[in-house]
Amino acid sequence: MMSIGLSTKKFTVIIEDLVKSKRISYMDAVLHYCETHLLEPDQVTRYIDKSLKEKIQSNAEALNYLPKTSSISGL
C-alpha cells in the first residue's frame, strides 16, 4: 500500500477542519479529501483512528446509512 505521507493525527485534524469549514459529514470530508488528493478511499483507511471512525459511524447512523447501534445512556 502506498503511503500518503500523513500521520493518523494529522489526517484526523484535516478531516475535522473540513467538517467544520465546509459543514459536511465526516464521511463526506474523507471522500472530499480523497477526491482532491486523487486517492481511493481504501488508501486512507489506515489513517482513520478510533475517534474518527466513531464520528463517521455516528453520522452514518444519523443519516440512516447504517442501522442505529444501541447505546446505554450515561456511558
N, C-alpha and C. Protein backbone atom coordinates (compact mmCIF):
# COMPACT_ATOMS: atom_id res chain seq x y z
N MET A 1 0.84 -1.19 0.00
CA MET A 1 0.00 0.00 0.00
C MET A 1 0.88 1.24 0.00
N MET A 2 0.52 2.20 -0.80
CA MET A 2 1.29 3.42 -0.92
C MET A 2 1.02 4.35 0.27
N SER A 3 2.07 4.93 0.80
CA SER A 3 1.93 5.88 1.90
C SER A 3 1.60 7.26 1.33
N ILE A 4 0.73 7.99 2.02
CA ILE A 4 0.37 9.34 1.55
C ILE A 4 1.09 10.42 2.36
N GLY A 5 2.01 10.01 3.23
CA GLY A 5 2.82 10.96 3.96
C GLY A 5 2.11 11.70 5.08
N LEU A 6 1.16 11.06 5.70
CA LEU A 6 0.41 11.66 6.80
C LEU A 6 0.48 10.77 8.02
N SER A 7 0.34 11.40 9.17
CA SER A 7 0.14 10.63 10.40
C SER A 7 -1.37 10.54 10.62
N THR A 8 -1.76 9.60 11.44
CA THR A 8 -3.19 9.46 11.77
C THR A 8 -3.70 10.75 12.40
N LYS A 9 -2.90 11.33 13.28
CA LYS A 9 -3.32 12.57 13.96
C LYS A 9 -3.51 13.71 12.97
N LYS A 10 -2.57 13.88 12.05
CA LYS A 10 -2.69 14.96 11.07
C LYS A 10 -3.89 14.75 10.16
N PHE A 11 -4.12 13.52 9.75
CA PHE A 11 -5.27 13.21 8.90
C PHE A 11 -6.57 13.55 9.63
N THR A 12 -6.64 13.18 10.90
CA THR A 12 -7.84 13.49 11.70
C THR A 12 -8.07 14.98 11.79
N VAL A 13 -7.01 15.76 12.01
CA VAL A 13 -7.13 17.22 12.09
C VAL A 13 -7.63 17.79 10.76
N ILE A 14 -7.10 17.29 9.66
CA ILE A 14 -7.53 17.75 8.33
C ILE A 14 -9.02 17.47 8.14
N ILE A 15 -9.45 16.27 8.49
CA ILE A 15 -10.86 15.89 8.32
C ILE A 15 -11.75 16.73 9.23
N GLU A 16 -11.33 16.93 10.48
CA GLU A 16 -12.10 17.78 11.42
C GLU A 16 -12.25 19.20 10.84
N ASP A 17 -11.17 19.73 10.28
CA ASP A 17 -11.22 21.08 9.70
C ASP A 17 -12.18 21.13 8.51
N LEU A 18 -12.17 20.10 7.68
CA LEU A 18 -13.10 20.05 6.55
C LEU A 18 -14.55 20.00 7.02
N VAL A 19 -14.81 19.20 8.04
CA VAL A 19 -16.18 19.09 8.58
C VAL A 19 -16.67 20.46 9.05
N LYS A 20 -15.81 21.17 9.77
CA LYS A 20 -16.21 22.47 10.31
C LYS A 20 -16.30 23.54 9.23
N SER A 21 -15.30 23.62 8.36
CA SER A 21 -15.27 24.70 7.37
C SER A 21 -16.30 24.52 6.26
N LYS A 22 -16.54 23.30 5.84
CA LYS A 22 -17.48 23.05 4.75
C LYS A 22 -18.85 22.61 5.24
N ARG A 23 -18.97 22.38 6.54
CA ARG A 23 -20.23 21.93 7.14
C ARG A 23 -20.76 20.68 6.43
N ILE A 24 -19.88 19.67 6.37
CA ILE A 24 -20.23 18.40 5.74
C ILE A 24 -20.03 17.28 6.75
N SER A 25 -20.53 16.12 6.44
CA SER A 25 -20.37 14.97 7.35
C SER A 25 -18.93 14.48 7.31
N TYR A 26 -18.58 13.66 8.28
CA TYR A 26 -17.22 13.11 8.34
C TYR A 26 -16.94 12.22 7.13
N MET A 27 -17.91 11.43 6.73
CA MET A 27 -17.72 10.58 5.55
C MET A 27 -17.49 11.43 4.31
N ASP A 28 -18.30 12.49 4.16
CA ASP A 28 -18.13 13.37 3.01
C ASP A 28 -16.77 14.07 3.05
N ALA A 29 -16.31 14.40 4.24
CA ALA A 29 -15.00 15.04 4.38
C ALA A 29 -13.88 14.10 3.94
N VAL A 30 -13.98 12.84 4.33
CA VAL A 30 -12.97 11.84 3.92
C VAL A 30 -13.01 11.68 2.40
N LEU A 31 -14.21 11.58 1.85
CA LEU A 31 -14.33 11.42 0.39
C LEU A 31 -13.84 12.67 -0.34
N HIS A 32 -14.13 13.84 0.20
CA HIS A 32 -13.64 15.10 -0.39
C HIS A 32 -12.11 15.12 -0.38
N TYR A 33 -11.52 14.73 0.73
CA TYR A 33 -10.06 14.67 0.82
C TYR A 33 -9.51 13.73 -0.25
N CYS A 34 -10.12 12.58 -0.38
CA CYS A 34 -9.67 11.61 -1.38
C CYS A 34 -9.77 12.17 -2.79
N GLU A 35 -10.88 12.82 -3.09
CA GLU A 35 -11.07 13.40 -4.42
C GLU A 35 -10.03 14.48 -4.73
N THR A 36 -9.80 15.36 -3.78
CA THR A 36 -8.87 16.47 -4.02
C THR A 36 -7.42 16.03 -4.07
N HIS A 37 -7.12 14.87 -3.48
CA HIS A 37 -5.74 14.36 -3.49
C HIS A 37 -5.57 13.14 -4.40
N LEU A 38 -6.60 12.90 -5.25
CA LEU A 38 -6.57 11.80 -6.22
C LEU A 38 -6.22 10.46 -5.57
N LEU A 39 -6.93 10.18 -4.47
CA LEU A 39 -6.74 8.93 -3.74
C LEU A 39 -8.02 8.12 -3.76
N GLU A 40 -7.88 6.82 -3.66
CA GLU A 40 -9.02 5.95 -3.46
C GLU A 40 -9.29 5.89 -1.96
N PRO A 41 -10.56 5.79 -1.56
CA PRO A 41 -10.86 5.73 -0.12
C PRO A 41 -10.11 4.63 0.63
N ASP A 42 -9.86 3.50 -0.01
CA ASP A 42 -9.15 2.44 0.70
C ASP A 42 -7.68 2.79 0.99
N GLN A 43 -7.17 3.84 0.36
CA GLN A 43 -5.80 4.28 0.62
C GLN A 43 -5.69 5.08 1.91
N VAL A 44 -6.80 5.56 2.45
CA VAL A 44 -6.74 6.37 3.67
C VAL A 44 -7.27 5.65 4.90
N THR A 45 -7.76 4.43 4.74
CA THR A 45 -8.36 3.73 5.89
C THR A 45 -7.37 3.56 7.03
N ARG A 46 -6.11 3.40 6.73
CA ARG A 46 -5.11 3.20 7.79
C ARG A 46 -4.91 4.46 8.64
N TYR A 47 -5.38 5.62 8.15
CA TYR A 47 -5.22 6.88 8.88
C TYR A 47 -6.46 7.26 9.68
N ILE A 48 -7.49 6.42 9.62
CA ILE A 48 -8.72 6.70 10.37
C ILE A 48 -8.62 6.06 11.74
N ASP A 49 -8.49 6.90 12.78
CA ASP A 49 -8.37 6.37 14.13
C ASP A 49 -9.75 6.05 14.72
N LYS A 50 -9.75 5.49 15.92
CA LYS A 50 -11.00 5.04 16.55
C LYS A 50 -12.00 6.20 16.71
N SER A 51 -11.51 7.35 17.12
CA SER A 51 -12.38 8.51 17.33
C SER A 51 -13.05 8.94 16.02
N LEU A 52 -12.27 9.03 14.96
CA LEU A 52 -12.81 9.42 13.67
C LEU A 52 -13.78 8.36 13.14
N LYS A 53 -13.44 7.10 13.35
CA LYS A 53 -14.32 6.02 12.93
C LYS A 53 -15.68 6.12 13.63
N GLU A 54 -15.66 6.43 14.93
CA GLU A 54 -16.90 6.56 15.69
C GLU A 54 -17.73 7.74 15.18
N LYS A 55 -17.07 8.83 14.81
CA LYS A 55 -17.79 10.00 14.28
C LYS A 55 -18.40 9.69 12.92
N ILE A 56 -17.67 8.97 12.09
CA ILE A 56 -18.20 8.56 10.78
C ILE A 56 -19.42 7.65 10.99
N GLN A 57 -19.30 6.72 11.93
CA GLN A 57 -20.41 5.81 12.20
C GLN A 57 -21.63 6.57 12.73
N SER A 58 -21.40 7.50 13.63
CA SER A 58 -22.50 8.30 14.20
C SER A 58 -23.21 9.10 13.10
N ASN A 59 -22.42 9.75 12.23
CA ASN A 59 -23.00 10.49 11.11
C ASN A 59 -23.81 9.57 10.21
N ALA A 60 -23.26 8.41 9.90
CA ALA A 60 -23.94 7.45 9.02
C ALA A 60 -25.25 6.97 9.64
N GLU A 61 -25.25 6.75 10.94
CA GLU A 61 -26.48 6.33 11.62
C GLU A 61 -27.50 7.46 11.60
N ALA A 62 -27.06 8.69 11.83
CA ALA A 62 -27.98 9.83 11.84
C ALA A 62 -28.61 10.04 10.46
N LEU A 63 -27.85 9.71 9.41
CA LEU A 63 -28.36 9.87 8.05
C LEU A 63 -29.05 8.60 7.54
N ASN A 64 -29.20 7.62 8.43
CA ASN A 64 -29.83 6.33 8.11
C ASN A 64 -29.07 5.54 7.04
N TYR A 65 -27.75 5.76 6.94
CA TYR A 65 -26.92 4.95 6.06
C TYR A 65 -26.57 3.62 6.72
N LEU A 66 -26.56 3.62 8.05
CA LEU A 66 -26.29 2.43 8.85
C LEU A 66 -27.40 2.28 9.87
N PRO A 67 -27.72 1.04 10.26
CA PRO A 67 -28.69 0.88 11.35
C PRO A 67 -28.10 1.44 12.65
N LYS A 68 -28.96 2.01 13.45
CA LYS A 68 -28.50 2.60 14.71
C LYS A 68 -28.02 1.52 15.67
N THR A 69 -26.90 1.80 16.33
CA THR A 69 -26.41 0.88 17.34
C THR A 69 -27.05 1.26 18.66
N SER A 70 -27.26 0.29 19.50
CA SER A 70 -27.87 0.58 20.79
C SER A 70 -26.84 1.26 21.67
N SER A 71 -27.32 2.17 22.49
CA SER A 71 -26.41 2.85 23.42
C SER A 71 -27.06 2.88 24.79
N ILE A 72 -26.22 2.92 25.79
CA ILE A 72 -26.69 2.99 27.17
C ILE A 72 -26.48 4.42 27.64
N SER A 73 -27.56 5.07 28.04
CA SER A 73 -27.42 6.47 28.48
C SER A 73 -26.56 6.53 29.72
N GLY A 74 -25.78 7.59 29.80
CA GLY A 74 -24.91 7.79 30.96
C GLY A 74 -23.51 7.23 30.78
N LEU A 75 -23.27 6.53 29.66
CA LEU A 75 -21.93 5.99 29.41
C LEU A 75 -21.26 6.74 28.30
